[in-house]
Amino acid sequence: MSLYDIPLHTLTGEPTSLGEHRGAALLVVNVASKCGLTPQYEGLERLQQRYAERGFTVLGVPCNQFAGQEPGTSEEIQTFCSTTYGVSFPLLEKIDVNGEQRHPLYAELTRTPDAQGEAGDVQWNFEKFLISPEGDVVGRFRPRTEPEADDVVAAIEARLPR
């Protein structure tokens, strides 16, 4: 099964998949509203604004597995993201990224090693996975790596379809 075929739901509960973004570079990020790393939303939104017209999208995936830092309902998450950080990129439903209930999307994503060659569980909120326009996972950036870090930006720019 391709990443494009894995069933997902938007934050509002509508069925979707990564297939809707086929041909675009994607940065999939597990997000949380009450985390010390939450200000990364600002950098993620700047990336979205900077590269959207060139075939790039950030996809936020709320997750409450790390110290309960995303406890809100879908409506609360959407309101927080839009009013606090002006988030315009798509948000998916809240899911598990680790453990027995790990969503199939993250079962695939976590097979990808980071720059140090380590694959496996997501370490914390705001871990980032770069997916090429062809649907391949081509980069993994750990939570403390800022969205606009040079290596992240270079990886995104190398995969932009236009």
N, C-alpha and C. Protein backbone atom coordinates (compact mmCIF):
# COMPACT_ATOMS: atom_id res chain seq x y z
N MET A 1 0.85 -1.19 0.00
CA MET A 1 0.00 0.00 0.00
C MET A 1 0.88 1.24 0.00
N SER A 2 0.56 2.16 -0.85
CA SER A 2 1.26 3.43 -0.95
C SER A 2 0.79 4.37 0.17
N LEU A 3 1.65 5.32 0.54
CA LEU A 3 1.24 6.35 1.50
C LEU A 3 -0.02 7.06 1.02
N TYR A 4 -0.15 7.19 -0.30
CA TYR A 4 -1.30 7.89 -0.87
C TYR A 4 -2.62 7.16 -0.63
N ASP A 5 -2.55 5.86 -0.36
CA ASP A 5 -3.76 5.05 -0.22
C ASP A 5 -4.25 4.89 1.22
N ILE A 6 -3.49 5.34 2.18
CA ILE A 6 -3.86 5.16 3.59
C ILE A 6 -5.03 6.08 3.93
N PRO A 7 -6.15 5.50 4.39
CA PRO A 7 -7.30 6.34 4.73
C PRO A 7 -7.00 7.25 5.93
N LEU A 8 -7.38 8.49 5.79
CA LEU A 8 -7.22 9.50 6.84
C LEU A 8 -8.53 10.26 6.96
N HIS A 9 -8.58 11.13 7.97
CA HIS A 9 -9.72 12.04 8.13
C HIS A 9 -9.18 13.42 8.44
N THR A 10 -9.86 14.42 7.91
CA THR A 10 -9.52 15.79 8.24
C THR A 10 -9.90 16.06 9.70
N LEU A 11 -9.50 17.18 10.21
CA LEU A 11 -9.84 17.55 11.59
C LEU A 11 -11.34 17.64 11.78
N THR A 12 -12.05 17.94 10.70
CA THR A 12 -13.52 18.04 10.80
C THR A 12 -14.21 16.71 10.53
N GLY A 13 -13.42 15.63 10.34
CA GLY A 13 -13.99 14.30 10.21
C GLY A 13 -14.27 13.84 8.79
N GLU A 14 -13.91 14.64 7.81
CA GLU A 14 -14.13 14.26 6.41
C GLU A 14 -13.07 13.26 5.96
N PRO A 15 -13.45 12.24 5.19
CA PRO A 15 -12.47 11.29 4.68
C PRO A 15 -11.49 12.00 3.74
N THR A 16 -10.23 11.61 3.83
CA THR A 16 -9.19 12.17 2.97
C THR A 16 -8.06 11.15 2.88
N SER A 17 -7.03 11.51 2.16
CA SER A 17 -5.81 10.70 2.09
C SER A 17 -4.69 11.61 1.59
N LEU A 18 -3.48 11.12 1.69
CA LEU A 18 -2.37 11.89 1.14
C LEU A 18 -2.48 11.94 -0.38
N GLY A 19 -3.23 11.02 -0.96
CA GLY A 19 -3.45 11.02 -2.40
C GLY A 19 -4.02 12.33 -2.92
N GLU A 20 -4.73 13.05 -2.07
CA GLU A 20 -5.26 14.35 -2.47
C GLU A 20 -4.16 15.37 -2.70
N HIS A 21 -2.95 15.05 -2.23
CA HIS A 21 -1.80 15.94 -2.38
C HIS A 21 -0.76 15.36 -3.33
N ARG A 22 -1.16 14.33 -4.08
CA ARG A 22 -0.25 13.70 -5.05
C ARG A 22 0.36 14.78 -5.94
N GLY A 23 1.67 14.69 -6.13
CA GLY A 23 2.36 15.67 -6.95
C GLY A 23 2.90 16.86 -6.18
N ALA A 24 2.60 16.94 -4.90
CA ALA A 24 3.12 18.01 -4.05
C ALA A 24 4.13 17.44 -3.06
N ALA A 25 5.04 18.28 -2.63
CA ALA A 25 5.92 17.91 -1.52
C ALA A 25 5.14 18.18 -0.23
N LEU A 26 5.21 17.25 0.71
CA LEU A 26 4.46 17.37 1.96
C LEU A 26 5.39 17.31 3.16
N LEU A 27 5.11 18.11 4.17
CA LEU A 27 5.79 18.01 5.45
C LEU A 27 4.73 17.62 6.47
N VAL A 28 4.77 16.35 6.89
CA VAL A 28 3.80 15.81 7.84
C VAL A 28 4.38 15.97 9.24
N VAL A 29 3.63 16.64 10.12
CA VAL A 29 4.15 16.98 11.45
C VAL A 29 3.11 16.63 12.50
N ASN A 30 3.51 15.85 13.53
CA ASN A 30 2.59 15.62 14.64
C ASN A 30 2.66 16.85 15.56
N VAL A 31 1.51 17.46 15.77
CA VAL A 31 1.44 18.75 16.45
C VAL A 31 0.69 18.65 17.78
N ALA A 32 0.90 19.65 18.62
CA ALA A 32 0.22 19.73 19.92
C ALA A 32 0.11 21.19 20.33
N SER A 33 -0.97 21.52 21.01
CA SER A 33 -1.27 22.91 21.37
C SER A 33 -0.66 23.36 22.69
N LYS A 34 -0.27 22.42 23.54
CA LYS A 34 0.19 22.79 24.88
C LYS A 34 1.60 22.27 25.16
N CYS A 35 2.45 22.39 24.17
CA CYS A 35 3.82 21.86 24.22
C CYS A 35 4.80 23.02 24.20
N GLY A 36 5.96 22.84 24.78
CA GLY A 36 6.99 23.85 24.70
C GLY A 36 7.43 24.11 23.27
N LEU A 37 7.19 23.17 22.38
CA LEU A 37 7.56 23.33 20.97
C LEU A 37 6.42 23.91 20.12
N THR A 38 5.27 24.18 20.74
CA THR A 38 4.11 24.68 20.00
C THR A 38 4.42 25.93 19.16
N PRO A 39 5.31 26.82 19.60
CA PRO A 39 5.63 27.97 18.74
C PRO A 39 6.18 27.58 17.36
N GLN A 40 6.53 26.31 17.15
CA GLN A 40 6.95 25.87 15.82
C GLN A 40 5.83 26.05 14.79
N TYR A 41 4.59 26.17 15.26
CA TYR A 41 3.50 26.46 14.34
C TYR A 41 3.82 27.69 13.49
N GLU A 42 4.49 28.69 14.08
CA GLU A 42 4.83 29.90 13.34
C GLU A 42 5.72 29.59 12.15
N GLY A 43 6.77 28.81 12.37
CA GLY A 43 7.67 28.44 11.29
C GLY A 43 7.00 27.56 10.26
N LEU A 44 6.15 26.64 10.72
CA LEU A 44 5.42 25.78 9.79
C LEU A 44 4.51 26.62 8.89
N GLU A 45 3.84 27.60 9.47
CA GLU A 45 2.96 28.46 8.67
C GLU A 45 3.77 29.31 7.69
N ARG A 46 4.93 29.79 8.11
CA ARG A 46 5.77 30.56 7.18
C ARG A 46 6.22 29.68 6.00
N LEU A 47 6.57 28.41 6.28
CA LEU A 47 6.92 27.49 5.19
C LEU A 47 5.73 27.31 4.25
N GLN A 48 4.55 27.14 4.82
CA GLN A 48 3.34 26.98 4.01
C GLN A 48 3.14 28.18 3.10
N GLN A 49 3.27 29.36 3.66
CA GLN A 49 3.07 30.58 2.88
C GLN A 49 4.15 30.74 1.81
N ARG A 50 5.38 30.43 2.16
CA ARG A 50 6.50 30.62 1.25
C ARG A 50 6.46 29.67 0.05
N TYR A 51 6.04 28.41 0.27
CA TYR A 51 6.18 27.39 -0.76
C TYR A 51 4.88 26.83 -1.32
N ALA A 52 3.75 27.24 -0.83
CA ALA A 52 2.47 26.66 -1.27
C ALA A 52 2.29 26.78 -2.79
N GLU A 53 2.63 27.91 -3.35
CA GLU A 53 2.44 28.12 -4.79
C GLU A 53 3.40 27.30 -5.63
N ARG A 54 4.42 26.73 -4.98
CA ARG A 54 5.40 25.91 -5.70
C ARG A 54 5.15 24.42 -5.50
N GLY A 55 3.97 24.07 -4.96
CA GLY A 55 3.63 22.66 -4.82
C GLY A 55 4.06 22.04 -3.51
N PHE A 56 3.84 22.75 -2.41
CA PHE A 56 4.23 22.27 -1.08
C PHE A 56 3.08 22.48 -0.11
N THR A 57 2.93 21.53 0.80
CA THR A 57 1.91 21.65 1.85
C THR A 57 2.43 21.06 3.15
N VAL A 58 2.19 21.78 4.23
CA VAL A 58 2.37 21.23 5.57
C VAL A 58 1.08 20.52 5.93
N LEU A 59 1.17 19.37 6.56
CA LEU A 59 0.00 18.66 7.09
C LEU A 59 0.22 18.47 8.58
N GLY A 60 -0.63 19.09 9.39
CA GLY A 60 -0.54 18.95 10.83
C GLY A 60 -1.38 17.77 11.30
N VAL A 61 -0.78 16.95 12.16
CA VAL A 61 -1.46 15.77 12.68
C VAL A 61 -1.46 15.85 14.21
N PRO A 62 -2.55 16.32 14.80
CA PRO A 62 -2.61 16.41 16.26
C PRO A 62 -2.43 15.04 16.92
N CYS A 63 -1.70 15.05 18.03
CA CYS A 63 -1.44 13.82 18.77
C CYS A 63 -1.39 14.17 20.26
N ASN A 64 -2.03 13.35 21.07
CA ASN A 64 -2.08 13.58 22.52
C ASN A 64 -1.24 12.56 23.29
N GLN A 65 -0.30 11.91 22.64
CA GLN A 65 0.47 10.85 23.28
C GLN A 65 1.65 11.33 24.11
N PHE A 66 2.01 12.58 24.01
CA PHE A 66 3.19 13.07 24.69
C PHE A 66 2.77 14.01 25.82
N ALA A 67 2.70 13.47 27.02
CA ALA A 67 2.34 14.22 28.23
C ALA A 67 0.98 14.91 28.11
N GLY A 68 0.07 14.34 27.30
CA GLY A 68 -1.28 14.90 27.19
C GLY A 68 -1.30 16.33 26.69
N GLN A 69 -0.39 16.68 25.77
CA GLN A 69 -0.25 18.07 25.36
C GLN A 69 -1.16 18.49 24.20
N GLU A 70 -2.06 17.58 23.78
CA GLU A 70 -3.09 17.95 22.80
C GLU A 70 -4.42 17.37 23.26
N PRO A 71 -4.95 17.91 24.37
CA PRO A 71 -6.16 17.34 24.96
C PRO A 71 -7.46 17.81 24.32
N GLY A 72 -7.41 18.82 23.48
CA GLY A 72 -8.62 19.45 22.98
C GLY A 72 -9.42 18.63 22.00
N THR A 73 -10.65 19.09 21.80
CA THR A 73 -11.51 18.53 20.77
C THR A 73 -11.04 19.06 19.42
N SER A 74 -11.58 18.50 18.36
CA SER A 74 -11.24 18.99 17.02
C SER A 74 -11.52 20.47 16.88
N GLU A 75 -12.66 20.90 17.39
CA GLU A 75 -13.04 22.32 17.30
C GLU A 75 -12.06 23.20 18.08
N GLU A 76 -11.68 22.74 19.28
CA GLU A 76 -10.73 23.52 20.09
C GLU A 76 -9.37 23.60 19.41
N ILE A 77 -8.94 22.50 18.82
CA ILE A 77 -7.65 22.49 18.11
C ILE A 77 -7.69 23.47 16.94
N GLN A 78 -8.75 23.40 16.14
CA GLN A 78 -8.87 24.29 14.98
C GLN A 78 -8.89 25.75 15.41
N THR A 79 -9.65 26.07 16.43
CA THR A 79 -9.73 27.45 16.92
C THR A 79 -8.37 27.92 17.42
N PHE A 80 -7.70 27.10 18.21
CA PHE A 80 -6.39 27.45 18.74
C PHE A 80 -5.41 27.73 17.60
N CYS A 81 -5.34 26.82 16.64
CA CYS A 81 -4.37 26.95 15.55
C CYS A 81 -4.64 28.17 14.69
N SER A 82 -5.89 28.42 14.39
CA SER A 82 -6.20 29.55 13.51
C SER A 82 -6.08 30.88 14.24
N THR A 83 -6.55 30.97 15.48
CA THR A 83 -6.51 32.26 16.16
C THR A 83 -5.15 32.58 16.77
N THR A 84 -4.44 31.58 17.25
CA THR A 84 -3.15 31.83 17.90
C THR A 84 -2.01 31.92 16.90
N TYR A 85 -2.04 31.08 15.88
CA TYR A 85 -0.91 31.03 14.95
C TYR A 85 -1.28 31.29 13.50
N GLY A 86 -2.53 31.57 13.21
CA GLY A 86 -2.94 31.85 11.84
C GLY A 86 -2.72 30.69 10.89
N VAL A 87 -2.82 29.48 11.40
CA VAL A 87 -2.55 28.29 10.59
C VAL A 87 -3.53 28.20 9.42
N SER A 88 -2.97 28.07 8.22
CA SER A 88 -3.78 27.91 7.02
C SER A 88 -3.61 26.53 6.41
N PHE A 89 -2.61 25.78 6.86
CA PHE A 89 -2.38 24.46 6.29
C PHE A 89 -3.38 23.45 6.86
N PRO A 90 -3.60 22.35 6.14
CA PRO A 90 -4.58 21.36 6.60
C PRO A 90 -4.17 20.67 7.89
N LEU A 91 -5.17 20.38 8.69
CA LEU A 91 -4.99 19.60 9.91
C LEU A 91 -5.80 18.32 9.79
N LEU A 92 -5.21 17.23 10.19
CA LEU A 92 -5.89 15.94 10.17
C LEU A 92 -6.46 15.65 11.55
N GLU A 93 -7.20 14.54 11.64
CA GLU A 93 -7.77 14.14 12.92
C GLU A 93 -6.66 13.77 13.90
N LYS A 94 -6.98 13.84 15.18
CA LYS A 94 -6.04 13.46 16.22
C LYS A 94 -5.84 11.95 16.17
N ILE A 95 -4.58 11.52 16.13
CA ILE A 95 -4.26 10.09 16.04
C ILE A 95 -3.10 9.75 16.95
N ASP A 96 -2.85 8.45 17.10
CA ASP A 96 -1.67 7.95 17.79
C ASP A 96 -0.55 7.76 16.78
N VAL A 97 0.65 8.20 17.14
CA VAL A 97 1.80 8.05 16.25
C VAL A 97 2.74 6.94 16.71
N ASN A 98 2.55 6.45 17.92
CA ASN A 98 3.35 5.38 18.50
C ASN A 98 2.44 4.35 19.15
N GLY A 99 3.01 3.21 19.50
CA GLY A 99 2.29 2.22 20.30
C GLY A 99 1.36 1.32 19.51
N GLU A 100 0.59 0.54 20.27
CA GLU A 100 -0.29 -0.46 19.68
C GLU A 100 -1.36 0.14 18.79
N GLN A 101 -1.79 1.35 19.09
CA GLN A 101 -2.84 2.01 18.30
C GLN A 101 -2.26 2.97 17.25
N ARG A 102 -0.97 2.82 16.95
CA ARG A 102 -0.31 3.69 15.97
C ARG A 102 -1.10 3.65 14.66
N HIS A 103 -1.37 4.83 14.13
CA HIS A 103 -2.10 4.94 12.87
C HIS A 103 -1.24 4.35 11.75
N PRO A 104 -1.86 3.71 10.76
CA PRO A 104 -1.09 3.14 9.64
C PRO A 104 -0.18 4.14 8.93
N LEU A 105 -0.56 5.42 8.88
CA LEU A 105 0.31 6.43 8.29
C LEU A 105 1.64 6.46 9.03
N TYR A 106 1.58 6.48 10.34
CA TYR A 106 2.81 6.56 11.13
C TYR A 106 3.53 5.22 11.20
N ALA A 107 2.84 4.12 11.00
CA ALA A 107 3.51 2.83 10.89
C ALA A 107 4.48 2.87 9.70
N GLU A 108 4.08 3.54 8.64
CA GLU A 108 4.94 3.69 7.46
C GLU A 108 6.01 4.77 7.68
N LEU A 109 5.59 5.94 8.17
CA LEU A 109 6.53 7.05 8.32
C LEU A 109 7.69 6.69 9.25
N THR A 110 7.41 6.00 10.34
CA THR A 110 8.45 5.74 11.35
C THR A 110 9.47 4.70 10.90
N ARG A 111 9.28 4.12 9.74
CA ARG A 111 10.31 3.23 9.17
C ARG A 111 11.49 4.02 8.61
N THR A 112 11.27 5.31 8.40
CA THR A 112 12.29 6.17 7.80
C THR A 112 13.29 6.63 8.86
N PRO A 113 14.58 6.47 8.60
CA PRO A 113 15.57 6.95 9.57
C PRO A 113 15.78 8.46 9.48
N ASP A 114 16.25 9.02 10.58
CA ASP A 114 16.60 10.44 10.61
C ASP A 114 18.03 10.60 10.09
N ALA A 115 18.60 11.78 10.21
CA ALA A 115 19.94 12.05 9.69
C ALA A 115 21.02 11.21 10.38
N GLN A 116 20.74 10.73 11.59
CA GLN A 116 21.70 9.89 12.30
C GLN A 116 21.47 8.40 12.01
N GLY A 117 20.53 8.11 11.13
CA GLY A 117 20.28 6.73 10.75
C GLY A 117 19.33 5.98 11.67
N GLU A 118 18.64 6.71 12.56
CA GLU A 118 17.73 6.08 13.52
C GLU A 118 16.29 6.16 13.03
N ALA A 119 15.66 5.01 12.90
CA ALA A 119 14.23 4.94 12.58
C ALA A 119 13.49 4.65 13.89
N GLY A 120 12.23 4.30 13.80
CA GLY A 120 11.47 3.92 14.99
C GLY A 120 10.55 5.01 15.47
N ASP A 121 10.14 4.87 16.72
CA ASP A 121 9.12 5.73 17.30
C ASP A 121 9.39 7.22 17.14
N VAL A 122 8.30 7.96 17.04
CA VAL A 122 8.35 9.41 17.10
C VAL A 122 8.80 9.79 18.51
N GLN A 123 9.75 10.72 18.62
CA GLN A 123 10.31 11.06 19.93
C GLN A 123 9.42 12.00 20.75
N TRP A 124 8.74 12.93 20.08
CA TRP A 124 7.94 13.92 20.80
C TRP A 124 7.09 14.67 19.78
N ASN A 125 6.35 15.65 20.25
CA ASN A 125 5.57 16.50 19.36
C ASN A 125 6.49 17.23 18.38
N PHE A 126 5.98 17.50 17.21
CA PHE A 126 6.64 18.29 16.17
C PHE A 126 7.80 17.56 15.48
N GLU A 127 7.70 16.23 15.40
CA GLU A 127 8.62 15.49 14.54
C GLU A 127 8.10 15.65 13.11
N LYS A 128 9.02 15.84 12.17
CA LYS A 128 8.65 16.20 10.80
C LYS A 128 9.11 15.14 9.81
N PHE A 129 8.22 14.79 8.86
CA PHE A 129 8.54 13.84 7.80
C PHE A 129 8.28 14.53 6.47
N LEU A 130 9.29 14.53 5.60
CA LEU A 130 9.15 15.13 4.28
C LEU A 130 8.82 14.03 3.27
N ILE A 131 7.75 14.24 2.52
CA ILE A 131 7.30 13.29 1.51
C ILE A 131 7.44 13.97 0.14
N SER A 132 8.07 13.25 -0.77
CA SER A 132 8.30 13.78 -2.12
C SER A 132 7.00 13.82 -2.91
N PRO A 133 7.00 14.56 -4.03
CA PRO A 133 5.81 14.59 -4.89
C PRO A 133 5.42 13.21 -5.43
N GLU A 134 6.36 12.26 -5.40
CA GLU A 134 6.08 10.90 -5.86
C GLU A 134 5.54 10.01 -4.75
N GLY A 135 5.48 10.54 -3.53
CA GLY A 135 4.92 9.77 -2.41
C GLY A 135 5.93 8.99 -1.59
N ASP A 136 7.21 9.32 -1.72
CA ASP A 136 8.25 8.65 -0.94
C ASP A 136 8.66 9.50 0.25
N VAL A 137 8.92 8.87 1.38
CA VAL A 137 9.43 9.59 2.55
C VAL A 137 10.91 9.84 2.30
N VAL A 138 11.29 11.11 2.22
CA VAL A 138 12.66 11.47 1.83
C VAL A 138 13.41 12.23 2.92
N GLY A 139 12.78 12.47 4.05
CA GLY A 139 13.45 13.16 5.12
C GLY A 139 12.70 13.02 6.43
N ARG A 140 13.46 12.98 7.50
CA ARG A 140 12.88 12.92 8.85
C ARG A 140 13.67 13.86 9.74
N PHE A 141 12.96 14.74 10.41
CA PHE A 141 13.58 15.75 11.25
C PHE A 141 12.98 15.66 12.64
N ARG A 142 13.82 15.52 13.63
CA ARG A 142 13.37 15.33 15.01
C ARG A 142 12.73 16.59 15.57
N PRO A 143 12.00 16.45 16.68
CA PRO A 143 11.17 17.55 17.20
C PRO A 143 11.88 18.88 17.43
N ARG A 144 13.08 18.85 17.93
CA ARG A 144 13.74 20.13 18.25
C ARG A 144 14.31 20.83 17.01
N THR A 145 14.28 20.17 15.87
CA THR A 145 14.71 20.82 14.63
C THR A 145 13.62 21.80 14.22
N GLU A 146 13.99 23.06 14.16
CA GLU A 146 13.03 24.10 13.80
C GLU A 146 12.56 23.92 12.35
N PRO A 147 11.31 24.23 12.08
CA PRO A 147 10.79 24.07 10.72
C PRO A 147 11.59 24.82 9.66
N GLU A 148 12.16 25.95 10.02
CA GLU A 148 12.91 26.75 9.05
C GLU A 148 14.42 26.56 9.16
N ALA A 149 14.85 25.47 9.81
CA ALA A 149 16.28 25.16 9.88
C ALA A 149 16.81 24.96 8.47
N ASP A 150 18.08 25.28 8.27
CA ASP A 150 18.67 25.21 6.94
C ASP A 150 18.49 23.84 6.29
N ASP A 151 18.68 22.76 7.07
CA ASP A 151 18.57 21.42 6.46
C ASP A 151 17.14 21.09 6.06
N VAL A 152 16.17 21.58 6.81
CA VAL A 152 14.77 21.34 6.46
C VAL A 152 14.42 22.12 5.20
N VAL A 153 14.77 23.38 5.16
CA VAL A 153 14.47 24.22 4.01
C VAL A 153 15.16 23.67 2.76
N ALA A 154 16.42 23.26 2.87
CA ALA A 154 17.14 22.71 1.72
C ALA A 154 16.46 21.44 1.22
N ALA A 155 16.01 20.59 2.13
CA ALA A 155 15.33 19.35 1.73
C ALA A 155 14.01 19.66 1.03
N ILE A 156 13.26 20.63 1.56
CA ILE A 156 11.99 21.02 0.93
C ILE A 156 12.26 21.57 -0.47
N GLU A 157 13.19 22.51 -0.58
CA GLU A 157 13.47 23.12 -1.87
C GLU A 157 13.93 22.10 -2.90
N ALA A 158 14.66 21.08 -2.47
CA ALA A 158 15.13 20.05 -3.39
C ALA A 158 13.98 19.19 -3.92
N ARG A 159 12.84 19.20 -3.24
CA ARG A 159 11.72 18.35 -3.63
C ARG A 159 10.53 19.10 -4.19
N LEU A 160 10.61 20.40 -4.29
CA LEU A 160 9.49 21.16 -4.84
C LEU A 160 9.28 20.79 -6.30
N PRO A 161 8.04 20.52 -6.68
CA PRO A 161 7.79 20.11 -8.05
C PRO A 161 7.83 21.24 -9.07
N ARG A 162 7.73 22.48 -8.62
CA ARG A 162 7.76 23.60 -9.57
C ARG A 162 8.37 24.83 -8.95
